[in-house]
Amino acid sequence: MMIELDVHVGGGRTLHVYDTAPGDGERLPVMWHHGTPNLGAPPEPLFAAADRLGVRWVAFDRPGYGGSDVAPGRTVASVAGDAAAVADALGIGRFAVAGYSGGGSYALGCAAVLGERVRAVLSLGGIAPYGADGLDWFTGMVPSGVAALGTAAAGRKVRAALHDSDFAYDCEFTPADLAVFEGPWGWLGKVAQPALDAGPYGQIDDDVSYTHAWGCDPGSIRAPVLLLHGTADRIIPATHGSWLAEHCPAADLRLLKGDSHFTVVTHAEAGLEWLCGVA
């Protein structure tokens, strides 16, 4: 059973929240951080594995998506504060975090900001901080990604102007990507378009948060971290995963040969098993 509820947080904002096992103190709480642009609903393709492993999924639409109010100027660190508020509202103390794509970066931000409250981190295809020393941030990225994130780096208004120009993001899907979407992970399509029904600012503010100061240092994370990244990822190149591994003392990087930003999700169940084993 999954319930949905609204949680009131600071500044008069509301977050739309999901909980697959409300009040179940026997299960391991794992907070899911969704990609861009998606709703925050926990990942259906992992529900069977979660039942087997005793996982309680909790999650929320980031500000500007779905049922969550817009929060201009939000950062990776401020979203960690939202995650803490959600956990408080659900009566959860310590929890693990998992995230896909940009959600992997928000998961890392939770661990950096919330310290010992986060038990372990799983990131699939996460983004490294913008301007990170020793990382050529845009190299290997599809042109649409360079356009979207490059304008976001110039500020919210510039990124919004790109959106208003009828810019269309081209992921340059491969046959292998399309094959993944024909299976259980076609679920990603189900949580993409509805995420934008509330307007464009969920996606815009995500992009701005990736390309501005996180407000936290991934190098401060002490919880165990597993980074899964495909070597053929052109949405968020594998160099981002390598940089994070080099700068997070507790991180283990698994570079998945030949996997793209989308086929990497086929390793998510193994990642969840790791998470449950260390949390």
Protein backbone atom coordinates (compact mmCIF):
# COMPACT_ATOMS: atom_id res chain seq x y z
CA MET A 1 0.00 0.00 0.00
CA MET A 2 1.24 3.47 -0.82
CA ILE A 3 -0.23 6.60 0.69
CA GLU A 4 0.18 10.15 -0.56
CA LEU A 5 -0.04 13.19 1.67
CA ASP A 6 0.95 16.83 1.80
CA VAL A 7 3.52 18.01 4.33
CA HIS A 8 3.86 21.66 5.30
CA VAL A 9 7.43 22.93 5.47
CA GLY A 10 9.14 26.26 6.09
CA GLY A 11 8.07 29.40 4.27
CA GLY A 12 4.46 28.29 3.92
CA ARG A 13 5.35 25.70 1.30
CA THR A 14 3.79 22.28 0.86
CA LEU A 15 5.54 19.13 -0.35
CA HIS A 16 3.67 16.21 -1.86
CA VAL A 17 4.90 13.04 -0.14
CA TYR A 18 4.74 9.29 -0.80
CA ASP A 19 5.08 6.46 1.74
CA THR A 20 4.82 2.76 0.86
CA ALA A 21 4.69 1.41 4.44
CA PRO A 22 3.30 4.11 6.74
CA GLY A 23 4.17 3.56 10.37
CA ASP A 24 6.08 0.32 9.74
CA GLY A 25 9.06 0.52 12.06
CA GLU A 26 10.38 -2.89 11.02
CA ARG A 27 11.31 -1.87 7.49
CA LEU A 28 14.37 0.13 6.47
CA PRO A 29 13.27 3.63 5.40
CA VAL A 30 14.83 4.53 2.07
CA MET A 31 14.17 8.01 0.72
CA TRP A 32 14.01 8.12 -3.06
CA HIS A 33 15.25 11.22 -4.92
CA HIS A 34 13.82 11.43 -8.41
CA GLY A 35 15.48 12.56 -11.63
CA THR A 36 14.83 15.59 -13.83
CA PRO A 37 12.02 15.98 -14.78
CA ASN A 38 10.02 13.41 -12.81
CA LEU A 39 7.45 13.10 -10.09
CA GLY A 40 8.80 11.91 -6.77
CA ALA A 41 6.83 8.67 -6.64
CA PRO A 42 9.03 5.77 -5.47
CA PRO A 43 10.30 3.47 -8.24
CA GLU A 44 7.69 0.86 -9.11
CA PRO A 45 10.25 -1.38 -10.86
CA LEU A 46 11.92 -1.88 -7.46
CA PHE A 47 8.77 -2.56 -5.41
CA ALA A 48 9.14 -6.35 -5.51
CA ALA A 49 12.79 -6.11 -4.48
CA ALA A 50 11.85 -3.67 -1.73
CA ASP A 51 9.31 -6.14 -0.33
CA ARG A 52 11.90 -8.90 -0.42
CA LEU A 53 14.50 -6.74 1.30
CA GLY A 54 12.17 -5.11 3.84
CA VAL A 55 12.37 -1.57 2.44
CA ARG A 56 9.94 1.23 3.21
CA TRP A 57 10.07 3.74 0.37
CA VAL A 58 9.47 7.38 1.22
CA ALA A 59 9.77 10.20 -1.29
CA PHE A 60 8.50 13.62 -2.30
CA ASP A 61 8.02 15.76 -5.38
CA ARG A 62 10.80 18.34 -5.33
CA PRO A 63 9.58 21.95 -5.22
CA GLY A 64 7.91 22.93 -8.49
CA TYR A 65 7.00 19.38 -9.50
CA GLY A 66 3.64 17.64 -9.14
CA GLY A 67 1.97 18.68 -5.91
CA SER A 68 4.91 20.55 -4.35
CA ASP A 69 5.09 24.34 -4.28
CA VAL A 70 7.78 26.18 -6.21
CA ALA A 71 10.80 27.35 -4.19
CA PRO A 72 12.86 29.85 -6.23
CA GLY A 73 16.53 29.77 -5.33
CA ARG A 74 16.43 26.26 -3.90
CA THR A 75 19.74 24.43 -3.65
CA VAL A 76 20.94 20.88 -3.18
CA ALA A 77 21.33 21.69 0.53
CA SER A 78 17.87 23.23 0.89
CA VAL A 79 16.29 20.12 -0.63
CA ALA A 80 18.11 18.12 2.05
CA GLY A 81 16.30 20.31 4.57
CA ASP A 82 13.02 19.40 2.86
CA ALA A 83 13.96 15.71 3.12
CA ALA A 84 14.53 16.11 6.85
CA ALA A 85 11.14 17.81 7.23
CA VAL A 86 9.45 14.94 5.39
CA ALA A 87 11.17 12.36 7.58
CA ASP A 88 10.15 14.29 10.70
CA ALA A 89 6.53 14.43 9.55
CA LEU A 90 6.52 10.66 9.01
CA GLY A 91 8.15 9.92 12.36
CA ILE A 92 11.35 8.62 10.77
CA GLY A 93 14.68 9.14 12.50
CA ARG A 94 17.56 7.68 10.51
CA PHE A 95 17.12 6.57 6.92
CA ALA A 96 19.02 5.59 3.78
CA VAL A 97 18.83 7.57 0.55
CA ALA A 98 18.80 6.56 -3.11
CA GLY A 99 18.57 8.65 -6.24
CA TYR A 100 18.70 8.41 -10.01
CA SER A 101 20.27 10.98 -12.35
CA GLY A 102 20.11 14.41 -10.71
CA GLY A 103 18.34 12.69 -7.84
CA GLY A 104 21.64 10.99 -7.09
CA SER A 105 23.14 14.41 -6.43
CA TYR A 106 20.28 15.32 -4.09
CA ALA A 107 20.81 12.01 -2.28
CA LEU A 108 24.46 12.92 -1.78
CA GLY A 109 23.38 16.35 -0.58
CA CYS A 110 21.18 14.74 2.06
CA ALA A 111 24.13 12.78 3.40
CA ALA A 112 26.36 15.86 3.39
CA VAL A 113 23.81 18.06 5.20
CA LEU A 114 22.12 15.60 7.54
CA GLY A 115 25.24 13.74 8.67
CA GLU A 116 24.62 10.71 10.86
CA ARG A 117 20.90 10.80 10.15
CA VAL A 118 21.66 9.27 6.72
CA ARG A 119 22.66 5.62 6.97
CA ALA A 120 23.91 5.00 3.41
CA VAL A 121 23.68 6.46 -0.09
CA LEU A 122 22.99 4.91 -3.50
CA SER A 123 23.46 7.16 -6.54
CA LEU A 124 22.81 6.10 -10.14
CA GLY A 125 24.23 8.49 -12.72
CA GLY A 126 24.53 11.48 -10.39
CA ILE A 127 25.95 14.92 -11.23
CA ALA A 128 29.13 16.34 -9.70
CA PRO A 129 29.22 19.94 -8.42
CA TYR A 130 29.46 22.54 -11.15
CA GLY A 131 32.89 24.09 -11.51
CA ALA A 132 34.53 21.25 -9.61
CA ASP A 133 38.33 21.41 -9.75
CA GLY A 134 39.78 18.93 -12.19
CA LEU A 135 36.49 18.15 -13.95
CA ASP A 136 35.63 19.36 -17.45
CA TRP A 137 31.97 19.46 -16.53
CA PHE A 138 30.34 19.53 -20.00
CA THR A 139 32.72 17.23 -21.90
CA GLY A 140 30.90 14.21 -23.32
CA MET A 141 27.41 15.65 -22.73
CA VAL A 142 24.74 15.66 -25.45
CA PRO A 143 24.26 19.12 -27.02
CA SER A 144 20.83 19.51 -25.44
CA GLY A 145 22.37 18.99 -22.01
CA VAL A 146 25.01 21.60 -22.69
CA ALA A 147 22.30 24.05 -23.77
CA ALA A 148 20.00 23.42 -20.80
CA LEU A 149 22.66 23.38 -18.12
CA GLY A 150 24.78 26.06 -19.76
CA THR A 151 21.89 28.52 -19.67
CA ALA A 152 21.03 27.43 -16.11
CA ALA A 153 24.56 28.35 -15.08
CA ALA A 154 23.77 31.89 -16.25
CA GLY A 155 20.77 32.03 -13.89
CA ARG A 156 17.12 31.18 -13.48
CA LYS A 157 15.87 33.87 -15.88
CA VAL A 158 18.20 32.75 -18.64
CA ARG A 159 17.19 29.10 -18.20
CA ALA A 160 13.51 30.11 -18.20
CA ALA A 161 14.04 32.08 -21.42
CA LEU A 162 15.43 28.93 -23.05
CA HIS A 163 12.28 27.09 -22.00
CA ASP A 164 10.09 29.87 -23.41
CA SER A 165 11.90 29.60 -26.74
CA ASP A 166 10.29 26.16 -27.24
CA PHE A 167 13.61 24.43 -26.70
CA ALA A 168 13.19 20.64 -26.91
CA TYR A 169 15.65 18.44 -25.03
CA ASP A 170 16.95 15.59 -27.20
CA CYS A 171 18.27 12.68 -25.12
CA GLU A 172 19.57 10.96 -28.29
CA PHE A 173 18.14 7.61 -27.21
CA THR A 174 19.90 4.49 -28.46
CA PRO A 175 18.16 1.19 -29.37
CA ALA A 176 19.33 -0.19 -26.00
CA ASP A 177 17.71 2.75 -24.20
CA LEU A 178 14.42 2.20 -26.02
CA ALA A 179 14.54 -1.50 -25.16
CA VAL A 180 14.81 -0.62 -21.46
CA PHE A 181 11.72 1.59 -21.74
CA GLU A 182 9.76 -1.32 -23.19
CA GLY A 183 10.25 -3.20 -19.91
CA PRO A 184 9.48 -2.33 -16.28
CA TRP A 185 11.58 0.84 -16.41
CA GLY A 186 9.15 2.28 -18.91
CA TRP A 187 7.81 3.57 -15.60
CA LEU A 188 10.21 6.52 -16.03
CA GLY A 189 7.96 7.78 -18.81
CA LYS A 190 4.94 7.59 -16.51
CA VAL A 191 6.50 10.01 -14.03
CA ALA A 192 8.00 12.43 -16.56
CA GLN A 193 5.21 14.36 -18.29
CA PRO A 194 2.94 14.55 -15.19
CA ALA A 195 5.85 16.14 -13.32
CA LEU A 196 5.63 19.17 -15.58
CA ASP A 197 1.87 19.62 -15.33
CA ALA A 198 2.47 22.06 -12.47
CA GLY A 199 4.65 24.22 -14.77
CA PRO A 200 8.29 24.37 -15.90
CA TYR A 201 9.96 25.50 -12.69
CA GLY A 202 10.62 22.08 -11.21
CA GLN A 203 12.93 21.34 -14.12
CA ILE A 204 14.31 24.86 -14.38
CA ASP A 205 15.13 25.04 -10.68
CA ASP A 206 16.72 21.59 -10.78
CA ASP A 207 19.04 22.72 -13.57
CA VAL A 208 19.91 25.92 -11.72
CA SER A 209 20.65 23.98 -8.53
CA TYR A 210 23.04 21.68 -10.40
CA THR A 211 25.00 24.60 -11.83
CA HIS A 212 25.21 26.80 -8.74
CA ALA A 213 26.70 26.28 -5.31
CA TRP A 214 25.27 23.18 -3.67
CA GLY A 215 25.50 24.68 -0.20
CA CYS A 216 27.17 21.50 1.03
CA ASP A 217 30.33 19.50 0.40
CA PRO A 218 30.07 15.89 -0.83
CA GLY A 219 33.56 15.41 0.58
CA SER A 220 32.11 15.69 4.09
CA ILE A 221 29.97 12.55 3.68
CA ARG A 222 30.87 9.78 6.11
CA ALA A 223 28.02 7.35 5.38
CA PRO A 224 28.80 4.51 2.94
CA VAL A 225 28.21 5.60 -0.68
CA LEU A 226 27.79 3.50 -3.82
CA LEU A 227 28.06 5.32 -7.14
CA LEU A 228 26.78 3.46 -10.20
CA HIS A 229 27.62 5.11 -13.52
CA GLY A 230 27.52 3.88 -17.11
CA THR A 231 30.64 4.41 -19.20
CA ALA A 232 28.45 5.30 -22.21
CA ASP A 233 26.41 7.94 -20.32
CA ARG A 234 26.07 11.09 -22.42
CA ILE A 235 23.45 12.82 -20.26
CA ILE A 236 25.75 12.93 -17.22
CA PRO A 237 29.15 11.63 -18.35
CA ALA A 238 30.93 9.02 -16.26
CA THR A 239 33.64 11.56 -15.43
CA HIS A 240 31.14 13.02 -12.95
CA GLY A 241 30.97 9.70 -11.13
CA SER A 242 34.74 9.41 -11.16
CA TRP A 243 35.14 12.90 -9.70
CA LEU A 244 32.64 12.16 -6.93
CA ALA A 245 34.43 8.91 -6.10
CA GLU A 246 37.74 10.72 -5.83
CA HIS A 247 36.31 13.39 -3.53
CA CYS A 248 33.97 11.35 -1.31
CA PRO A 249 36.13 9.35 1.12
CA ALA A 250 33.38 6.80 1.79
CA ALA A 251 32.41 6.25 -1.86
CA ASP A 252 32.73 3.11 -3.95
CA LEU A 253 32.43 3.66 -7.72
CA ARG A 254 31.19 0.96 -10.07
CA LEU A 255 31.70 2.00 -13.68
CA LEU A 256 29.35 -0.12 -15.77
CA LYS A 257 30.92 -0.81 -19.14
CA GLY A 258 28.69 0.10 -22.07
CA ASP A 259 25.75 1.29 -19.97
CA SER A 260 24.07 4.58 -20.77
CA HIS A 261 22.26 7.04 -18.54
CA PHE A 262 19.15 4.94 -19.04
CA THR A 263 20.36 1.35 -19.13
CA VAL A 264 22.12 1.95 -15.79
CA VAL A 265 18.73 1.51 -14.11
CA THR A 266 18.95 -2.21 -14.85
CA HIS A 267 21.55 -2.31 -12.04
CA ALA A 268 19.30 -0.53 -9.54
CA GLU A 269 18.13 -3.72 -7.83
CA ALA A 270 21.72 -4.79 -7.15
CA GLY A 271 22.34 -1.29 -5.81
CA LEU A 272 19.36 -1.56 -3.50
CA GLU A 273 20.64 -4.88 -2.21
CA TRP A 274 23.97 -3.20 -1.41
CA LEU A 275 22.16 -0.34 0.33
CA CYS A 276 20.21 -2.68 2.56
CA GLY A 277 23.36 -4.63 3.38
CA VAL A 278 25.26 -1.62 4.71
CA ALA A 279 22.54 0.64 6.12
